[in-house]
Amino acid sequence: MLPDQFLAGLQKNGPAPVYLFLGPEAYQRERCRRELIQAVLGDDPEERENGFSRHDLSEGSLSAALDDARAMSLFASKRLVWIGSAEAALPRSSKAAARAAAQEDDDDSESANDGDGLAAYLRAPTPGTVVVLESSRYGFDGDDKAKIERVQKFYATIPAQVEFRPYTPESARSLAQGIAKQIGLQLGLAELALLIEATGGDAARLAVEIEKLFLLTGGKRKVTAEDITSLVANAQQTTIFVLVAALGRGDRVRAFEILDTLSRDDEYMPLALTFLGTQFRMALVAREAGARNAAQIQAHFTKLGARMWPERARQIEQTVSAFSKEKLQKAVGKLFEADRDLRDARPDDRIVMEEMILALTT
């Protein structure tokens, strides 16, 4: 089930005896955790303190955690037992087990016993106790897909499984707009796009940064791009994309103006050069793949396993449109030379960057 389905079921039917929380998305998982604590333990601080237990399967066994869930408390009529690192209970793979056999011969048999113990607990769960097994290490795509499927298979006896998948670009935008409206933050569409790009669309980070922007502005004025650039980590990358656009037009004057801005802001030039290099390499990959518009670029990189947001795809589209394949190849070469020069014993960062701009606008 999805988080919204979990919350609706919690409100309608109350908590299930055992849950499996799967996936790395932190914002919705924390939201569900708060609501579950409220549903099980209420508002009383003493009830929450006495009724909440936490275990980590990277440090202990599932059997021990379930023994705790079976134990009746003298101080709490209702309990919530939270078991983290649920993936640690899985049997080792055959190769890993072979490597570790000399030291931990009984790992697989202990994991099998854990699985049997969970099935036995599910047949007779402790009244008034809710158990949550949480596995947040693996995602649902790429190399993690097979790993999270192993976790799901191991815990298949748990009927109430909640999947915390990453937000899509559209849902992240909708979430950010909703949070901003709720707290009274004046956030325009252009600034929203910049904020999403700077946070990579991570919902938890979006919520934190929106709160910080509200504290900065007090909700009394509209958020500016300068607010985001100064407050949000990674937002200064946007200045780099403006520099890329100037280089693509062959606009040497504008490129030097942007370099002045980077220098005034004490931008670390090797880091700026890294952003430039990444942009040109991705544009070269897109051009060689025949991807011309933002949708094709986003689809191509997603197919390669590199998650990309629409705003970033549009930036790459602009670079692809501005540079021929030959100019992109030349840019990548010049950026490599500039990166090498910046690593000299006593480089003058400004001169190295100026030489790079001169070479790319000739």
Protein backbone atom coordinates (compact mmCIF):
# COMPACT_ATOMS: atom_id res chain seq x y z
CA MET A 1 0.00 0.00 0.00
CA LEU A 2 1.00 3.63 -0.42
CA PRO A 3 1.39 6.11 2.48
CA ASP A 4 -1.97 7.77 1.84
CA GLN A 5 -3.67 4.36 1.91
CA PHE A 6 -1.90 3.57 5.18
CA LEU A 7 -3.10 6.82 6.74
CA ALA A 8 -6.66 6.32 5.52
CA GLY A 9 -6.73 2.77 6.89
CA LEU A 10 -5.24 3.91 10.19
CA GLN A 11 -7.96 6.50 10.60
CA LYS A 12 -10.77 4.17 9.58
CA ASN A 13 -9.78 0.84 11.12
CA GLY A 14 -7.03 1.61 13.62
CA PRO A 15 -3.53 0.12 13.52
CA ALA A 16 -2.67 -3.37 12.28
CA PRO A 17 -0.62 -5.59 14.61
CA VAL A 18 2.46 -5.63 12.32
CA TYR A 19 3.66 -3.34 9.52
CA LEU A 20 6.55 -3.44 7.08
CA PHE A 21 7.78 0.02 6.05
CA LEU A 22 9.76 -0.19 2.80
CA GLY A 23 11.76 2.41 0.90
CA PRO A 24 14.01 5.42 1.41
CA GLU A 25 11.55 8.32 1.09
CA ALA A 26 11.88 10.09 4.44
CA TYR A 27 9.15 12.74 4.36
CA GLN A 28 6.16 10.41 4.04
CA ARG A 29 7.72 7.82 6.34
CA GLU A 30 8.11 10.40 9.11
CA ARG A 31 4.55 11.57 8.53
CA CYS A 32 3.26 7.99 8.86
CA ARG A 33 5.43 7.38 11.92
CA ARG A 34 3.97 10.41 13.71
CA GLU A 35 0.41 9.41 12.90
CA LEU A 36 1.02 5.84 14.05
CA ILE A 37 2.53 6.98 17.35
CA GLN A 38 -0.48 9.23 17.85
CA ALA A 39 -2.93 6.40 17.06
CA VAL A 40 -1.22 3.86 19.35
CA LEU A 41 0.14 5.92 22.23
CA GLY A 42 -1.88 9.13 22.15
CA ASP A 43 -0.66 12.51 23.41
CA ASP A 44 0.40 11.61 26.95
CA PRO A 45 4.21 12.03 27.20
CA GLU A 46 4.44 9.32 29.86
CA GLU A 47 2.49 6.85 27.71
CA ARG A 48 4.78 7.62 24.79
CA GLU A 49 7.93 7.18 26.85
CA ASN A 50 6.87 3.92 28.47
CA GLY A 51 5.13 2.45 25.43
CA PHE A 52 7.72 3.06 22.72
CA SER A 53 10.55 0.56 22.16
CA ARG A 54 13.22 0.68 19.46
CA HIS A 55 15.43 -2.10 18.08
CA ASP A 56 18.00 -2.21 15.27
CA LEU A 57 18.57 -5.51 13.50
CA SER A 58 22.09 -4.46 12.52
CA GLU A 59 22.87 -4.75 16.23
CA GLY A 60 20.48 -7.47 17.42
CA SER A 61 18.27 -10.29 16.18
CA LEU A 62 14.67 -10.26 15.03
CA SER A 63 13.91 -13.00 17.56
CA ALA A 64 15.01 -10.76 20.43
CA ALA A 65 12.91 -7.86 19.11
CA LEU A 66 9.85 -10.10 18.81
CA ASP A 67 10.44 -11.40 22.34
CA ASP A 68 10.23 -7.79 23.48
CA ALA A 69 6.97 -7.39 21.55
CA ARG A 70 5.55 -10.45 23.32
CA ALA A 71 6.50 -9.14 26.77
CA MET A 72 3.73 -7.42 28.72
CA SER A 73 4.63 -4.07 30.27
CA LEU A 74 3.67 -3.07 33.80
CA PHE A 75 3.84 0.61 32.84
CA ALA A 76 2.10 0.76 29.45
CA SER A 77 -1.18 -0.79 28.37
CA LYS A 78 -0.36 -0.06 24.71
CA ARG A 79 3.01 -0.41 23.04
CA LEU A 80 4.72 0.42 19.75
CA VAL A 81 7.82 -1.66 18.94
CA TRP A 82 9.90 -0.10 16.16
CA ILE A 83 12.43 -2.42 14.49
CA GLY A 84 14.92 -0.69 12.19
CA SER A 85 17.35 -2.13 9.59
CA ALA A 86 14.87 -4.92 8.82
CA GLU A 87 16.97 -5.96 5.82
CA ALA A 88 19.72 -7.13 8.20
CA ALA A 89 17.63 -10.17 9.14
CA LEU A 90 17.79 -11.60 5.62
CA PRO A 91 19.93 -14.68 4.99
CA ARG A 92 23.27 -13.90 3.41
CA SER A 93 23.69 -14.47 -0.31
CA SER A 94 25.57 -17.65 -1.16
CA LYS A 95 28.81 -15.81 -1.95
CA ALA A 96 28.69 -13.66 1.16
CA ALA A 97 27.82 -16.66 3.28
CA ALA A 98 30.81 -18.58 1.88
CA ARG A 99 33.18 -15.72 2.71
CA ALA A 100 31.85 -15.41 6.25
CA ALA A 101 31.39 -19.14 6.95
CA ALA A 102 34.55 -19.48 9.01
CA GLN A 103 33.40 -16.87 11.51
CA GLU A 104 29.59 -16.96 11.36
CA ASP A 105 28.53 -20.46 10.37
CA ASP A 106 25.06 -20.13 11.85
CA ASP A 107 23.95 -16.85 10.15
CA ASP A 108 21.63 -18.48 7.61
CA SER A 109 20.03 -20.82 10.13
CA GLU A 110 19.46 -17.91 12.51
CA SER A 111 17.80 -15.92 9.71
CA ALA A 112 15.59 -18.88 8.90
CA ASN A 113 14.61 -19.10 12.57
CA ASP A 114 13.84 -15.36 12.49
CA GLY A 115 11.46 -15.96 9.58
CA ASP A 116 9.73 -18.78 11.42
CA GLY A 117 9.54 -16.65 14.56
CA LEU A 118 7.88 -13.81 12.65
CA ALA A 119 5.30 -16.19 11.17
CA ALA A 120 4.56 -17.52 14.67
CA TYR A 121 4.16 -13.99 16.04
CA LEU A 122 1.79 -13.03 13.22
CA ARG A 123 -0.43 -16.00 14.11
CA ALA A 124 -0.77 -14.71 17.69
CA PRO A 125 0.25 -11.03 17.96
CA THR A 126 0.36 -9.44 21.39
CA PRO A 127 -2.87 -7.53 22.12
CA GLY A 128 -2.34 -3.77 22.41
CA THR A 129 1.08 -3.95 20.75
CA VAL A 130 1.95 -2.72 17.26
CA VAL A 131 5.19 -3.81 15.60
CA VAL A 132 6.82 -1.90 12.73
CA LEU A 133 9.68 -3.41 10.75
CA GLU A 134 11.44 -0.68 8.79
CA SER A 135 13.76 -1.14 5.81
CA SER A 136 14.87 2.21 4.39
CA ARG A 137 18.21 1.19 2.92
CA TYR A 138 17.10 0.20 -0.59
CA GLY A 139 15.16 2.01 -3.28
CA PHE A 140 12.80 0.58 -5.88
CA ASP A 141 14.87 1.15 -9.02
CA GLY A 142 18.23 0.24 -10.51
CA ASP A 143 20.56 -2.01 -8.56
CA ASP A 144 18.37 -1.75 -5.47
CA LYS A 145 15.34 -3.31 -7.13
CA ALA A 146 16.46 -6.91 -6.67
CA LYS A 147 17.53 -6.19 -3.09
CA ILE A 148 14.23 -4.66 -2.02
CA GLU A 149 12.39 -7.54 -3.69
CA ARG A 150 14.38 -9.93 -1.47
CA VAL A 151 13.27 -7.94 1.57
CA GLN A 152 9.64 -8.10 0.43
CA LYS A 153 9.90 -11.84 -0.16
CA PHE A 154 11.46 -12.50 3.25
CA TYR A 155 8.69 -10.53 4.98
CA ALA A 156 5.91 -11.73 2.66
CA THR A 157 3.93 -13.05 5.66
CA ILE A 158 3.29 -9.44 6.76
CA PRO A 159 0.08 -8.37 4.99
CA ALA A 160 0.41 -4.65 5.84
CA GLN A 161 3.35 -3.42 3.75
CA VAL A 162 3.77 0.30 3.11
CA GLU A 163 5.99 1.43 0.21
CA PHE A 164 7.75 4.79 0.52
CA ARG A 165 8.72 5.56 -3.05
CA PRO A 166 10.50 8.76 -4.13
CA TYR A 167 8.28 11.63 -5.23
CA THR A 168 7.86 12.16 -8.96
CA PRO A 169 8.81 15.64 -10.25
CA GLU A 170 5.14 16.53 -10.51
CA SER A 171 4.25 15.32 -7.02
CA ALA A 172 7.31 17.05 -5.52
CA ARG A 173 6.20 20.31 -7.11
CA SER A 174 2.66 19.84 -5.81
CA LEU A 175 3.96 19.03 -2.33
CA ALA A 176 6.17 22.12 -2.24
CA GLN A 177 3.31 24.35 -3.37
CA GLY A 178 1.05 22.83 -0.72
CA ILE A 179 3.56 23.33 2.11
CA ALA A 180 4.29 26.90 1.00
CA LYS A 181 0.58 27.74 0.86
CA GLN A 182 -0.05 26.14 4.24
CA ILE A 183 2.57 28.25 6.05
CA GLY A 184 1.99 31.41 4.01
CA LEU A 185 5.24 31.51 2.02
CA GLN A 186 5.12 33.60 -1.16
CA LEU A 187 6.89 31.36 -3.68
CA GLY A 188 6.69 32.03 -7.42
CA LEU A 189 6.90 29.38 -10.12
CA ALA A 190 10.43 30.30 -11.22
CA GLU A 191 11.66 30.29 -7.64
CA LEU A 192 9.84 27.01 -7.02
CA ALA A 193 11.64 25.44 -9.99
CA LEU A 194 14.98 26.67 -8.64
CA LEU A 195 14.21 25.28 -5.19
CA ILE A 196 13.23 21.88 -6.59
CA GLU A 197 16.40 21.76 -8.69
CA ALA A 198 18.58 22.70 -5.70
CA THR A 199 17.06 20.02 -3.47
CA GLY A 200 16.88 17.36 -6.18
CA GLY A 201 13.15 17.10 -5.50
CA ASP A 202 13.79 15.43 -2.14
CA ALA A 203 10.56 15.93 -0.19
CA ALA A 204 12.18 16.05 3.25
CA ARG A 205 14.70 18.66 2.10
CA LEU A 206 11.98 20.66 0.37
CA ALA A 207 10.01 20.86 3.61
CA VAL A 208 13.08 21.97 5.58
CA GLU A 209 14.18 24.57 3.03
CA ILE A 210 10.67 26.02 2.71
CA GLU A 211 10.58 26.43 6.49
CA LYS A 212 13.97 28.17 6.37
CA LEU A 213 12.78 30.50 3.60
CA PHE A 214 9.71 31.37 5.65
CA LEU A 215 11.89 32.22 8.64
CA LEU A 216 14.01 34.41 6.36
CA THR A 217 11.13 36.31 4.78
CA GLY A 218 8.59 36.09 7.58
CA GLY A 219 5.98 35.50 4.88
CA LYS A 220 5.94 39.27 4.32
CA ARG A 221 7.50 39.31 0.86
CA LYS A 222 7.98 37.03 -2.12
CA VAL A 223 10.95 34.68 -2.08
CA THR A 224 13.64 35.72 -4.56
CA ALA A 225 16.20 33.66 -6.45
CA GLU A 226 18.85 35.40 -4.35
CA ASP A 227 17.18 34.12 -1.16
CA ILE A 228 17.35 30.56 -2.45
CA THR A 229 20.92 30.93 -3.75
CA SER A 230 22.15 32.26 -0.41
CA LEU A 231 20.20 29.87 1.81
CA VAL A 232 19.85 26.55 0.00
CA ALA A 233 22.84 24.30 -0.59
CA ASN A 234 23.52 23.54 -4.29
CA ALA A 235 21.40 26.45 -5.50
CA GLN A 236 24.51 28.28 -6.73
CA GLN A 237 24.71 25.70 -9.51
CA THR A 238 22.07 27.79 -11.27
CA THR A 239 24.68 30.51 -11.86
CA ILE A 240 26.79 27.87 -13.58
CA PHE A 241 23.93 27.08 -15.97
CA VAL A 242 23.72 30.79 -16.86
CA LEU A 243 27.45 30.67 -17.61
CA VAL A 244 26.89 27.62 -19.86
CA ALA A 245 24.21 29.53 -21.77
CA ALA A 246 26.56 32.50 -22.26
CA LEU A 247 29.30 30.21 -23.53
CA GLY A 248 26.85 28.58 -25.91
CA ARG A 249 25.96 31.97 -27.41
CA GLY A 250 29.63 32.89 -27.64
CA ASP A 251 28.82 35.84 -25.36
CA ARG A 252 32.27 36.49 -23.90
CA VAL A 253 31.26 39.68 -22.08
CA ARG A 254 28.37 38.01 -20.27
CA ALA A 255 30.54 35.00 -19.44
CA PHE A 256 33.11 37.25 -17.78
CA GLU A 257 30.35 39.06 -15.87
CA ILE A 258 29.17 35.71 -14.48
CA LEU A 259 32.75 34.81 -13.58
CA ASP A 260 32.91 38.10 -11.64
CA THR A 261 29.73 37.08 -9.80
CA LEU A 262 31.20 33.69 -8.90
CA SER A 263 34.37 35.37 -7.65
CA ARG A 264 32.44 37.88 -5.51
CA ASP A 265 30.42 35.04 -4.01
CA ASP A 266 33.66 33.18 -3.15
CA GLU A 267 32.62 30.25 -5.31
CA TYR A 268 35.17 27.45 -5.14
CA MET A 269 36.36 27.38 -8.75
CA PRO A 270 37.23 23.66 -8.95
CA LEU A 271 33.66 22.91 -7.80
CA ALA A 272 32.24 25.34 -10.36
CA LEU A 273 34.35 23.64 -13.01
CA THR A 274 32.97 20.26 -11.92
CA PHE A 275 29.41 21.51 -12.46
CA LEU A 276 30.41 22.85 -15.89
CA GLY A 277 32.04 19.57 -16.84
CA THR A 278 29.01 17.57 -15.78
CA GLN A 279 26.70 19.78 -17.83
CA PHE A 280 28.78 19.52 -21.00
CA ARG A 281 29.34 15.77 -20.69
CA MET A 282 25.62 15.14 -20.21
CA ALA A 283 24.85 17.37 -23.20
CA LEU A 284 27.37 15.43 -25.30
CA VAL A 285 25.80 12.12 -24.25
CA ALA A 286 22.34 13.45 -25.14
CA ARG A 287 23.49 14.71 -28.54
CA GLU A 288 25.23 11.42 -29.39
CA ALA A 289 22.04 9.56 -28.40
CA GLY A 290 19.97 11.76 -30.72
CA ALA A 291 17.95 13.24 -27.84
CA ARG A 292 16.94 16.76 -28.80
CA ASN A 293 14.15 17.95 -26.52
CA ALA A 294 13.81 17.85 -22.73
CA ALA A 295 11.40 14.91 -22.72
CA GLN A 296 13.75 12.78 -24.85
CA ILE A 297 16.73 13.77 -22.71
CA GLN A 298 14.93 12.93 -19.48
CA ALA A 299 13.77 9.58 -20.88
CA HIS A 300 17.27 8.71 -22.12
CA PHE A 301 19.00 9.38 -18.81
CA THR A 302 16.24 7.64 -16.89
CA LYS A 303 16.79 4.59 -19.08
CA LEU A 304 20.50 4.76 -18.19
CA GLY A 305 19.56 4.75 -14.49
CA ALA A 306 20.28 8.45 -13.88
CA ARG A 307 17.18 10.05 -12.39
CA MET A 308 16.64 13.52 -13.87
CA TRP A 309 14.23 16.36 -13.12
CA PRO A 310 12.45 18.25 -15.92
CA GLU A 311 14.25 21.52 -15.06
CA ARG A 312 17.63 19.83 -15.43
CA ALA A 313 16.57 18.19 -18.71
CA ARG A 314 15.57 21.61 -20.06
CA GLN A 315 18.98 23.02 -19.06
CA ILE A 316 20.70 20.20 -20.94
CA GLU A 317 18.36 20.78 -23.88
CA GLN A 318 19.52 24.42 -24.00
CA THR A 319 23.16 23.30 -24.00
CA VAL A 320 22.53 20.72 -26.74
CA SER A 321 20.80 23.40 -28.83
CA ALA A 322 23.62 25.92 -28.33
CA PHE A 323 26.57 23.64 -29.05
CA SER A 324 27.36 21.41 -31.99
CA LYS A 325 28.87 18.00 -31.30
CA GLU A 326 32.29 19.34 -32.23
CA LYS A 327 31.94 22.32 -29.87
CA LEU A 328 30.78 20.04 -27.06
CA GLN A 329 33.79 17.80 -27.57
CA LYS A 330 36.05 20.85 -27.59
CA ALA A 331 34.39 22.15 -24.41
CA VAL A 332 34.90 18.85 -22.60
CA GLY A 333 38.57 18.88 -23.62
CA LYS A 334 39.10 22.49 -22.50
CA LEU A 335 37.37 21.80 -19.19
CA PHE A 336 39.68 18.82 -18.64
CA GLU A 337 42.70 21.07 -19.26
CA ALA A 338 41.32 23.74 -16.91
CA ASP A 339 40.69 21.14 -14.21
CA ARG A 340 44.27 19.91 -14.60
CA ASP A 341 45.62 23.48 -14.37
CA LEU A 342 43.59 24.18 -11.23
CA ARG A 343 45.30 21.21 -9.59
CA ASP A 344 48.77 22.70 -10.04
CA ALA A 345 50.76 23.57 -6.93
CA ARG A 346 49.94 27.30 -6.95
CA PRO A 347 47.30 28.00 -9.59
CA ASP A 348 45.63 31.36 -10.16
CA ASP A 349 42.03 30.17 -10.34
CA ARG A 350 40.75 33.35 -11.98
CA ILE A 351 43.32 33.23 -14.82
CA VAL A 352 42.61 29.54 -15.47
CA MET A 353 38.86 30.22 -15.73
CA GLU A 354 39.41 33.28 -17.95
CA GLU A 355 41.57 31.23 -20.33
CA MET A 356 38.87 28.59 -20.48
CA ILE A 357 36.19 31.20 -21.32
CA LEU A 358 38.41 32.76 -24.01
CA ALA A 359 38.97 29.34 -25.59
CA LEU A 360 35.25 28.48 -25.63
CA THR A 361 34.07 31.84 -27.01
CA THR A 362 36.59 32.08 -29.83
